Amino acid sequence: MADLRTLIGRCPTVASSSQGGSHRFAVAAGPRLGDDSIHVRCSATYGADTLECDSVLVRIGTTLVVIQEEGNKPGGDRYLHQLAEAALRRYQATA
């Protein structure tokens, strides 16, 4: 998780050569879950269109649980943290 935080800090923007757009990544405030967790904010820009595809990654021991949303308009992640908490509870109950 520390390496992921470092990578995002070093390379926050990635060009998409196949579609002429770019992806921007940032670590955002998120819930503290499991042994470690991180909210990765991603925005993809293609021309005038921008979509967000945020994720919450949760480490529990050696297991990584990833909760990802895809293709939201900016600001569409309002339920991501609640979904991550519910997914983690479900994983812990059924693991």
PDB file of N, CA and C in Angstrom:
ATOM      1  N   MET A   1       0.829  -1.182   0.000  1.00  0.00           N
ATOM      2  CA  MET A   1       0.000   0.000   0.000  1.00  0.00           C
ATOM      3  C   MET A   1       0.877   1.251   0.000  1.00  0.00           C
ATOM      4  N   ALA A   2       1.970   1.197   0.756  1.00  0.00           N
ATOM      5  CA  ALA A   2       2.880   2.347   0.766  1.00  0.00           C
ATOM      6  C   ALA A   2       3.475   2.566  -0.621  1.00  0.00           C
ATOM      7  N   ASP A   3       3.800   1.459  -1.317  1.00  0.00           N
ATOM      8  CA  ASP A   3       4.342   1.581  -2.672  1.00  0.00           C
ATOM      9  C   ASP A   3       3.311   2.197  -3.622  1.00  0.00           C
ATOM     10  N   LEU A   4       2.058   1.842  -3.459  1.00  0.00           N
ATOM     11  CA  LEU A   4       1.008   2.419  -4.297  1.00  0.00           C
ATOM     12  C   LEU A   4       0.875   3.912  -4.049  1.00  0.00           C
ATOM     13  N   ARG A   5       0.908   4.310  -2.789  1.00  0.00           N
ATOM     14  CA  ARG A   5       0.842   5.741  -2.464  1.00  0.00           C
ATOM     15  C   ARG A   5       2.019   6.488  -3.096  1.00  0.00           C
ATOM     16  N   THR A   6       3.208   5.892  -3.024  1.00  0.00           N
ATOM     17  CA  THR A   6       4.402   6.504  -3.601  1.00  0.00           C
ATOM     18  C   THR A   6       4.292   6.605  -5.120  1.00  0.00           C
ATOM     19  N   LEU A   7       3.825   5.542  -5.762  1.00  0.00           N
ATOM     20  CA  LEU A   7       3.676   5.542  -7.217  1.00  0.00           C
ATOM     21  C   LEU A   7       2.711   6.628  -7.671  1.00  0.00           C
ATOM     22  N   ILE A   8       1.590   6.750  -6.997  1.00  0.00           N
ATOM     23  CA  ILE A   8       0.614   7.782  -7.371  1.00  0.00           C
ATOM     24  C   ILE A   8       1.210   9.179  -7.167  1.00  0.00           C
ATOM     25  N   GLY A   9       1.997   9.336  -6.121  1.00  0.00           N
ATOM     26  CA  GLY A   9       2.646  10.622  -5.900  1.00  0.00           C
ATOM     27  C   GLY A   9       3.655  10.965  -6.984  1.00  0.00           C
ATOM     28  N   ARG A  10       4.339   9.949  -7.500  1.00  0.00           N
ATOM     29  CA  ARG A  10       5.362  10.170  -8.533  1.00  0.00           C
ATOM     30  C   ARG A  10       4.773  10.294  -9.934  1.00  0.00           C
ATOM     31  N   CYS A  11       3.709   9.543 -10.212  1.00  0.00           N
ATOM     32  CA  CYS A  11       3.140   9.492 -11.562  1.00  0.00           C
ATOM     33  C   CYS A  11       1.634   9.745 -11.508  1.00  0.00           C
ATOM     34  N   PRO A  12       1.218  10.957 -11.210  1.00  0.00           N
ATOM     35  CA  PRO A  12      -0.219  11.211 -11.066  1.00  0.00           C
ATOM     36  C   PRO A  12      -0.978  11.289 -12.388  1.00  0.00           C
ATOM     37  N   THR A  13      -0.274  11.406 -13.513  1.00  0.00           N
ATOM     38  CA  THR A  13      -0.932  11.517 -14.810  1.00  0.00           C
ATOM     39  C   THR A  13      -0.334  10.519 -15.787  1.00  0.00           C
ATOM     40  N   VAL A  14      -1.217   9.814 -16.504  1.00  0.00           N
ATOM     41  CA  VAL A  14      -0.784   8.840 -17.493  1.00  0.00           C
ATOM     42  C   VAL A  14      -1.521   9.135 -18.788  1.00  0.00           C
ATOM     43  N   ALA A  15      -0.781   9.276 -19.875  1.00  0.00           N
ATOM     44  CA  ALA A  15      -1.400   9.523 -21.179  1.00  0.00           C
ATOM     45  C   ALA A  15      -1.922   8.213 -21.742  1.00  0.00           C
ATOM     46  N   SER A  16      -3.054   8.284 -22.395  1.00  0.00           N
ATOM     47  CA  SER A  16      -3.647   7.125 -23.047  1.00  0.00           C
ATOM     48  C   SER A  16      -3.431   7.279 -24.541  1.00  0.00           C
ATOM     49  N   SER A  17      -2.392   6.641 -25.040  1.00  0.00           N
ATOM     50  CA  SER A  17      -2.027   6.834 -26.444  1.00  0.00           C
ATOM     51  C   SER A  17      -3.059   6.248 -27.402  1.00  0.00           C
ATOM     52  N   SER A  18      -3.789   5.216 -26.989  1.00  0.00           N
ATOM     53  CA  SER A  18      -4.736   4.592 -27.908  1.00  0.00           C
ATOM     54  C   SER A  18      -5.970   5.454 -28.158  1.00  0.00           C
ATOM     55  N   GLN A  19      -6.351   6.293 -27.182  1.00  0.00           N
ATOM     56  CA  GLN A  19      -7.564   7.090 -27.347  1.00  0.00           C
ATOM     57  C   GLN A  19      -7.298   8.584 -27.227  1.00  0.00           C
ATOM     58  N   GLY A  20      -6.055   8.988 -27.065  1.00  0.00           N
ATOM     59  CA  GLY A  20      -5.718  10.395 -27.029  1.00  0.00           C
ATOM     60  C   GLY A  20      -6.141  11.126 -25.774  1.00  0.00           C
ATOM     61  N   GLY A  21      -6.430  10.419 -24.723  1.00  0.00           N
ATOM     62  CA  GLY A  21      -6.850  11.045 -23.473  1.00  0.00           C
ATOM     63  C   GLY A  21      -5.780  10.916 -22.407  1.00  0.00           C
ATOM     64  N   SER A  22      -6.199  11.151 -21.182  1.00  0.00           N
ATOM     65  CA  SER A  22      -5.275  10.991 -20.068  1.00  0.00           C
ATOM     66  C   SER A  22      -6.037  10.531 -18.834  1.00  0.00           C
ATOM     67  N   HIS A  23      -5.304   9.909 -17.934  1.00  0.00           N
ATOM     68  CA  HIS A  23      -5.841   9.467 -16.651  1.00  0.00           C
ATOM     69  C   HIS A  23      -5.064  10.184 -15.561  1.00  0.00           C
ATOM     70  N   ARG A  24      -5.775  10.693 -14.583  1.00  0.00           N
ATOM     71  CA  ARG A  24      -5.151  11.337 -13.419  1.00  0.00           C
ATOM     72  C   ARG A  24      -5.509  10.534 -12.183  1.00  0.00           C
ATOM     73  N   PHE A  25      -4.509  10.332 -11.345  1.00  0.00           N
ATOM     74  CA  PHE A  25      -4.691   9.561 -10.121  1.00  0.00           C
ATOM     75  C   PHE A  25      -4.303  10.402  -8.919  1.00  0.00           C
ATOM     76  N   ALA A  26      -5.002  10.189  -7.819  1.00  0.00           N
ATOM     77  CA  ALA A  26      -4.689  10.876  -6.568  1.00  0.00           C
ATOM     78  C   ALA A  26      -5.176  10.013  -5.414  1.00  0.00           C
ATOM     79  N   VAL A  27      -4.496  10.139  -4.285  1.00  0.00           N
ATOM     80  CA  VAL A  27      -4.956   9.494  -3.066  1.00  0.00           C
ATOM     81  C   VAL A  27      -5.926  10.465  -2.404  1.00  0.00           C
ATOM     82  N   ALA A  28      -7.117   9.984  -2.088  1.00  0.00           N
ATOM     83  CA  ALA A  28      -8.154  10.830  -1.494  1.00  0.00           C
ATOM     84  C   ALA A  28      -8.474  10.340  -0.084  1.00  0.00           C
ATOM     85  N   ALA A  29      -9.106  11.198   0.685  1.00  0.00           N
ATOM     86  CA  ALA A  29      -9.545  10.802   2.020  1.00  0.00           C
ATOM     87  C   ALA A  29     -10.559   9.679   1.885  1.00  0.00           C
ATOM     88  N   GLY A  30     -10.433   8.706   2.733  1.00  0.00           N
ATOM     89  CA  GLY A  30     -11.358   7.579   2.673  1.00  0.00           C
ATOM     90  C   GLY A  30     -11.483   6.908   4.022  1.00  0.00           C
ATOM     91  N   PRO A  31     -12.318   5.895   4.077  1.00  0.00           N
ATOM     92  CA  PRO A  31     -12.516   5.206   5.348  1.00  0.00           C
ATOM     93  C   PRO A  31     -11.273   4.407   5.739  1.00  0.00           C
ATOM     94  N   ARG A  32     -11.054   4.289   7.029  1.00  0.00           N
ATOM     95  CA  ARG A  32      -9.968   3.437   7.526  1.00  0.00           C
ATOM     96  C   ARG A  32     -10.556   2.052   7.733  1.00  0.00           C
ATOM     97  N   LEU A  33     -10.150   1.132   6.889  1.00  0.00           N
ATOM     98  CA  LEU A  33     -10.700  -0.213   6.918  1.00  0.00           C
ATOM     99  C   LEU A  33      -9.583  -1.239   6.935  1.00  0.00           C
ATOM    100  N   GLY A  34      -9.852  -2.410   7.505  1.00  0.00           N
ATOM    101  CA  GLY A  34      -8.882  -3.491   7.518  1.00  0.00           C
ATOM    102  C   GLY A  34      -7.592  -3.085   8.194  1.00  0.00           C
ATOM    103  N   ASP A  35      -6.493  -3.731   7.773  1.00  0.00           N
ATOM    104  CA  ASP A  35      -5.173  -3.399   8.306  1.00  0.00           C
ATOM    105  C   ASP A  35      -4.626  -2.127   7.675  1.00  0.00           C
ATOM    106  N   ASP A  36      -5.054  -1.851   6.451  1.00  0.00           N
ATOM    107  CA  ASP A  36      -4.658  -0.627   5.745  1.00  0.00           C
ATOM    108  C   ASP A  36      -5.652  -0.435   4.612  1.00  0.00           C
ATOM    109  N   SER A  37      -5.910   0.799   4.248  1.00  0.00           N
ATOM    110  CA  SER A  37      -6.823   1.057   3.138  1.00  0.00           C
ATOM    111  C   SER A  37      -6.426   2.362   2.465  1.00  0.00           C
ATOM    112  N   ILE A  38      -6.856   2.466   1.220  1.00  0.00           N
ATOM    113  CA  ILE A  38      -6.548   3.651   0.433  1.00  0.00           C
ATOM    114  C   ILE A  38      -7.693   3.905  -0.545  1.00  0.00           C
ATOM    115  N   HIS A  39      -8.068   5.158  -0.696  1.00  0.00           N
ATOM    116  CA  HIS A  39      -9.055   5.571  -1.698  1.00  0.00           C
ATOM    117  C   HIS A  39      -8.254   6.168  -2.850  1.00  0.00           C
ATOM    118  N   VAL A  40      -8.319   5.523  -3.996  1.00  0.00           N
ATOM    119  CA  VAL A  40      -7.622   6.014  -5.183  1.00  0.00           C
ATOM    120  C   VAL A  40      -8.651   6.703  -6.076  1.00  0.00           C
ATOM    121  N   ARG A  41      -8.448   7.983  -6.277  1.00  0.00           N
ATOM    122  CA  ARG A  41      -9.326   8.770  -7.139  1.00  0.00           C
ATOM    123  C   ARG A  41      -8.711   8.762  -8.534  1.00  0.00           C
ATOM    124  N   CYS A  42      -9.524   8.430  -9.530  1.00  0.00           N
ATOM    125  CA  CYS A  42      -9.068   8.391 -10.919  1.00  0.00           C
ATOM    126  C   CYS A  42     -10.046   9.191 -11.763  1.00  0.00           C
ATOM    127  N   SER A  43      -9.514  10.010 -12.636  1.00  0.00           N
ATOM    128  CA  SER A  43     -10.370  10.681 -13.616  1.00  0.00           C
ATOM    129  C   SER A  43      -9.752  10.475 -14.990  1.00  0.00           C
ATOM    130  N   ALA A  44     -10.595  10.110 -15.926  1.00  0.00           N
ATOM    131  CA  ALA A  44     -10.165   9.884 -17.301  1.00  0.00           C
ATOM    132  C   ALA A  44     -10.772  10.978 -18.168  1.00  0.00           C
ATOM    133  N   THR A  45      -9.923  11.644 -18.925  1.00  0.00           N
ATOM    134  CA  THR A  45     -10.372  12.737 -19.779  1.00  0.00           C
ATOM    135  C   THR A  45     -10.102  12.377 -21.234  1.00  0.00           C
ATOM    136  N   TYR A  46     -11.159  12.477 -22.033  1.00  0.00           N
ATOM    137  CA  TYR A  46     -11.076  12.256 -23.476  1.00  0.00           C
ATOM    138  C   TYR A  46     -11.787  13.422 -24.131  1.00  0.00           C
ATOM    139  N   GLY A  47     -11.026  14.344 -24.677  1.00  0.00           N
ATOM    140  CA  GLY A  47     -11.619  15.546 -25.245  1.00  0.00           C
ATOM    141  C   GLY A  47     -12.298  16.352 -24.150  1.00  0.00           C
ATOM    142  N   ALA A  48     -13.578  16.644 -24.320  1.00  0.00           N
ATOM    143  CA  ALA A  48     -14.322  17.422 -23.332  1.00  0.00           C
ATOM    144  C   ALA A  48     -14.986  16.538 -22.273  1.00  0.00           C
ATOM    145  N   ASP A  49     -14.919  15.223 -22.437  1.00  0.00           N
ATOM    146  CA  ASP A  49     -15.572  14.298 -21.507  1.00  0.00           C
ATOM    147  C   ASP A  49     -14.625  13.862 -20.398  1.00  0.00           C
ATOM    148  N   THR A  50     -15.141  13.861 -19.167  1.00  0.00           N
ATOM    149  CA  THR A  50     -14.385  13.375 -18.019  1.00  0.00           C
ATOM    150  C   THR A  50     -15.240  12.368 -17.264  1.00  0.00           C
ATOM    151  N   LEU A  51     -14.665  11.217 -16.985  1.00  0.00           N
ATOM    152  CA  LEU A  51     -15.312  10.193 -16.180  1.00  0.00           C
ATOM    153  C   LEU A  51     -14.423   9.874 -14.993  1.00  0.00           C
ATOM    154  N   GLU A  52     -15.039   9.510 -13.881  1.00  0.00           N
ATOM    155  CA  GLU A  52     -14.283   9.108 -12.698  1.00  0.00           C
ATOM    156  C   GLU A  52     -14.443   7.610 -12.497  1.00  0.00           C
ATOM    157  N   CYS A  53     -13.416   6.998 -11.979  1.00  0.00           N
ATOM    158  CA  CYS A  53     -13.440   5.552 -11.725  1.00  0.00           C
ATOM    159  C   CYS A  53     -12.674   5.279 -10.425  1.00  0.00           C
ATOM    160  N   ASP A  54     -13.220   5.754  -9.330  1.00  0.00           N
ATOM    161  CA  ASP A  54     -12.554   5.644  -8.039  1.00  0.00           C
ATOM    162  C   ASP A  54     -12.583   4.215  -7.510  1.00  0.00           C
ATOM    163  N   SER A  55     -11.616   3.913  -6.634  1.00  0.00           N
ATOM    164  CA  SER A  55     -11.523   2.606  -5.992  1.00  0.00           C
ATOM    165  C   SER A  55     -11.118   2.775  -4.544  1.00  0.00           C
ATOM    166  N   VAL A  56     -11.576   1.852  -3.721  1.00  0.00           N
ATOM    167  CA  VAL A  56     -11.085   1.728  -2.353  1.00  0.00           C
ATOM    168  C   VAL A  56     -10.422   0.363  -2.271  1.00  0.00           C
ATOM    169  N   LEU A  57      -9.161   0.349  -1.879  1.00  0.00           N
ATOM    170  CA  LEU A  57      -8.416  -0.887  -1.716  1.00  0.00           C
ATOM    171  C   LEU A  57      -8.222  -1.108  -0.229  1.00  0.00           C
ATOM    172  N   VAL A  58      -8.514  -2.327   0.231  1.00  0.00           N
ATOM    173  CA  VAL A  58      -8.422  -2.659   1.647  1.00  0.00           C
ATOM    174  C   VAL A  58      -7.529  -3.887   1.790  1.00  0.00           C
ATOM    175  N   ARG A  59      -6.509  -3.776   2.624  1.00  0.00           N
ATOM    176  CA  ARG A  59      -5.637  -4.921   2.913  1.00  0.00           C
ATOM    177  C   ARG A  59      -6.038  -5.505   4.252  1.00  0.00           C
ATOM    178  N   ILE A  60      -6.262  -6.822   4.246  1.00  0.00           N
ATOM    179  CA  ILE A  60      -6.542  -7.570   5.467  1.00  0.00           C
ATOM    180  C   ILE A  60      -5.543  -8.710   5.479  1.00  0.00           C
ATOM    181  N   GLY A  61      -4.497  -8.585   6.305  1.00  0.00           N
ATOM    182  CA  GLY A  61      -3.419  -9.577   6.275  1.00  0.00           C
ATOM    183  C   GLY A  61      -2.778  -9.566   4.905  1.00  0.00           C
ATOM    184  N   THR A  62      -2.814 -10.719   4.215  1.00  0.00           N
ATOM    185  CA  THR A  62      -2.229 -10.811   2.873  1.00  0.00           C
ATOM    186  C   THR A  62      -3.288 -10.729   1.777  1.00  0.00           C
ATOM    187  N   THR A  63      -4.526 -10.437   2.145  1.00  0.00           N
ATOM    188  CA  THR A  63      -5.627 -10.342   1.182  1.00  0.00           C
ATOM    189  C   THR A  63      -5.881  -8.887   0.830  1.00  0.00           C
ATOM    190  N   LEU A  64      -6.137  -8.650  -0.449  1.00  0.00           N
ATOM    191  CA  LEU A  64      -6.474  -7.311  -0.914  1.00  0.00           C
ATOM    192  C   LEU A  64      -7.895  -7.346  -1.465  1.00  0.00           C
ATOM    193  N   VAL A  65      -8.774  -6.536  -0.883  1.00  0.00           N
ATOM    194  CA  VAL A  65     -10.149  -6.412  -1.344  1.00  0.00           C
ATOM    195  C   VAL A  65     -10.247  -5.078  -2.068  1.00  0.00           C
ATOM    196  N   VAL A  66     -10.737  -5.107  -3.316  1.00  0.00           N
ATOM    197  CA  VAL A  66     -10.828  -3.898  -4.128  1.00  0.00           C
ATOM    198  C   VAL A  66     -12.297  -3.633  -4.450  1.00  0.00           C
ATOM    199  N   ILE A  67     -12.733  -2.440  -4.117  1.00  0.00           N
ATOM    200  CA  ILE A  67     -14.084  -1.999  -4.431  1.00  0.00           C
ATOM    201  C   ILE A  67     -13.934  -0.882  -5.445  1.00  0.00           C
ATOM    202  N   GLN A  68     -14.438  -1.110  -6.660  1.00  0.00           N
ATOM    203  CA  GLN A  68     -14.221  -0.148  -7.737  1.00  0.00           C
ATOM    204  C   GLN A  68     -15.552   0.288  -8.323  1.00  0.00           C
ATOM    205  N   GLU A  69     -15.636   1.578  -8.608  1.00  0.00           N
ATOM    206  CA  GLU A  69     -16.774   2.084  -9.357  1.00  0.00           C
ATOM    207  C   GLU A  69     -16.263   2.520 -10.715  1.00  0.00           C
ATOM    208  N   GLU A  70     -17.109   2.438 -11.705  1.00  0.00           N
ATOM    209  CA  GLU A  70     -16.659   2.737 -13.054  1.00  0.00           C
ATOM    210  C   GLU A  70     -17.529   3.782 -13.723  1.00  0.00           C
ATOM    211  N   GLY A  71     -16.900   4.664 -14.428  1.00  0.00           N
ATOM    212  CA  GLY A  71     -17.572   5.551 -15.347  1.00  0.00           C
ATOM    213  C   GLY A  71     -18.599   6.508 -14.786  1.00  0.00           C
ATOM    214  N   ASN A  72     -18.333   7.103 -13.647  1.00  0.00           N
ATOM    215  CA  ASN A  72     -19.247   8.102 -13.097  1.00  0.00           C
ATOM    216  C   ASN A  72     -18.888   9.491 -13.594  1.00  0.00           C
ATOM    217  N   LYS A  73     -19.867  10.328 -13.656  1.00  0.00           N
ATOM    218  CA  LYS A  73     -19.600  11.743 -13.885  1.00  0.00           C
ATOM    219  C   LYS A  73     -18.913  12.290 -12.636  1.00  0.00           C
ATOM    220  N   PRO A  74     -18.134  13.348 -12.750  1.00  0.00           N
ATOM    221  CA  PRO A  74     -17.474  13.908 -11.565  1.00  0.00           C
ATOM    222  C   PRO A  74     -18.455  14.134 -10.415  1.00  0.00           C
ATOM    223  N   GLY A  75     -18.042  13.690  -9.219  1.00  0.00           N
ATOM    224  CA  GLY A  75     -18.883  13.812  -8.030  1.00  0.00           C
ATOM    225  C   GLY A  75     -19.820  12.641  -7.820  1.00  0.00           C
ATOM    226  N   GLY A  76     -19.751  11.629  -8.673  1.00  0.00           N
ATOM    227  CA  GLY A  76     -20.669  10.489  -8.589  1.00  0.00           C
ATOM    228  C   GLY A  76     -20.236   9.384  -7.652  1.00  0.00           C
ATOM    229  N   ASP A  77     -19.257   9.658  -6.808  1.00  0.00           N
ATOM    230  CA  ASP A  77     -18.740   8.606  -5.921  1.00  0.00           C
ATOM    231  C   ASP A  77     -19.299   8.707  -4.498  1.00  0.00           C
ATOM    232  N   ARG A  78     -20.425   9.358  -4.326  1.00  0.00           N
ATOM    233  CA  ARG A  78     -20.914   9.644  -2.978  1.00  0.00           C
ATOM    234  C   ARG A  78     -21.231   8.401  -2.159  1.00  0.00           C
ATOM    235  N   TYR A  79     -21.445   7.249  -2.796  1.00  0.00           N
ATOM    236  CA  TYR A  79     -21.760   6.033  -2.050  1.00  0.00           C
ATOM    237  C   TYR A  79     -20.583   5.056  -1.975  1.00  0.00           C
ATOM    238  N   LEU A  80     -19.444   5.421  -2.536  1.00  0.00           N
ATOM    239  CA  LEU A  80     -18.315   4.497  -2.599  1.00  0.00           C
ATOM    240  C   LEU A  80     -17.858   4.042  -1.221  1.00  0.00           C
ATOM    241  N   HIS A  81     -17.723   4.946  -0.274  1.00  0.00           N
ATOM    242  CA  HIS A  81     -17.238   4.562   1.053  1.00  0.00           C
ATOM    243  C   HIS A  81     -18.231   3.644   1.760  1.00  0.00           C
ATOM    244  N   GLN A  82     -19.521   3.924   1.623  1.00  0.00           N
ATOM    245  CA  GLN A  82     -20.530   3.050   2.224  1.00  0.00           C
ATOM    246  C   GLN A  82     -20.494   1.675   1.571  1.00  0.00           C
ATOM    247  N   LEU A  83     -20.332   1.632   0.260  1.00  0.00           N
ATOM    248  CA  LEU A  83     -20.250   0.370  -0.454  1.00  0.00           C
ATOM    249  C   LEU A  83     -19.008  -0.406  -0.020  1.00  0.00           C
ATOM    250  N   ALA A  84     -17.889   0.288   0.147  1.00  0.00           N
ATOM    251  CA  ALA A  84     -16.651  -0.370   0.581  1.00  0.00           C
ATOM    252  C   ALA A  84     -16.821  -0.987   1.968  1.00  0.00           C
ATOM    253  N   GLU A  85     -17.439  -0.259   2.878  1.00  0.00           N
ATOM    254  CA  GLU A  85     -17.659  -0.783   4.225  1.00  0.00           C
ATOM    255  C   GLU A  85     -18.565  -2.009   4.191  1.00  0.00           C
ATOM    256  N   ALA A  86     -19.632  -1.967   3.395  1.00  0.00           N
ATOM    257  CA  ALA A  86     -20.550  -3.099   3.278  1.00  0.00           C
ATOM    258  C   ALA A  86     -19.868  -4.294   2.624  1.00  0.00           C
ATOM    259  N   ALA A  87     -19.076  -4.063   1.592  1.00  0.00           N
ATOM    260  CA  ALA A  87     -18.363  -5.146   0.916  1.00  0.00           C
ATOM    261  C   ALA A  87     -17.363  -5.804   1.856  1.00  0.00           C
ATOM    262  N   LEU A  88     -16.689  -4.999   2.657  1.00  0.00           N
ATOM    263  CA  LEU A  88     -15.722  -5.553   3.598  1.00  0.00           C
ATOM    264  C   LEU A  88     -16.423  -6.393   4.668  1.00  0.00           C
ATOM    265  N   ARG A  89     -17.538  -5.904   5.184  1.00  0.00           N
ATOM    266  CA  ARG A  89     -18.305  -6.698   6.162  1.00  0.00           C
ATOM    267  C   ARG A  89     -18.740  -8.028   5.558  1.00  0.00           C
ATOM    268  N   ARG A  90     -19.205  -7.989   4.316  1.00  0.00           N
ATOM    269  CA  ARG A  90     -19.630  -9.215   3.622  1.00  0.00           C
ATOM    270  C   ARG A  90     -18.449 -10.162   3.438  1.00  0.00           C
ATOM    271  N   TYR A  91     -17.324  -9.634   3.019  1.00  0.00           N
ATOM    272  CA  TYR A  91     -16.126 -10.464   2.832  1.00  0.00           C
ATOM    273  C   TYR A  91     -15.734 -11.117   4.151  1.00  0.00           C
ATOM    274  N   GLN A  92     -15.718 -10.349   5.235  1.00  0.00           N
ATOM    275  CA  GLN A  92     -15.314 -10.887   6.534  1.00  0.00           C
ATOM    276  C   GLN A  92     -16.289 -11.937   7.031  1.00  0.00           C
ATOM    277  N   ALA A  93     -17.560 -11.789   6.706  1.00  0.00           N
ATOM    278  CA  ALA A  93     -18.567 -12.757   7.160  1.00  0.00           C
ATOM    279  C   ALA A  93     -18.530 -14.046   6.361  1.00  0.00           C
ATOM    280  N   THR A  94     -18.082 -13.982   5.119  1.00  0.00           N
ATOM    281  CA  THR A  94     -18.133 -15.173   4.245  1.00  0.00           C
ATOM    282  C   THR A  94     -16.768 -15.711   3.863  1.00  0.00           C
ATOM    283  N   ALA A  95     -15.699 -15.025   4.257  1.00  0.00           N
ATOM    284  CA  ALA A  95     -14.351 -15.432   3.838  1.00  0.00           C
ATOM    285  C   ALA A  95     -14.066 -16.818   4.336  1.00  0.00           C
TER     286      ALA A  95
END
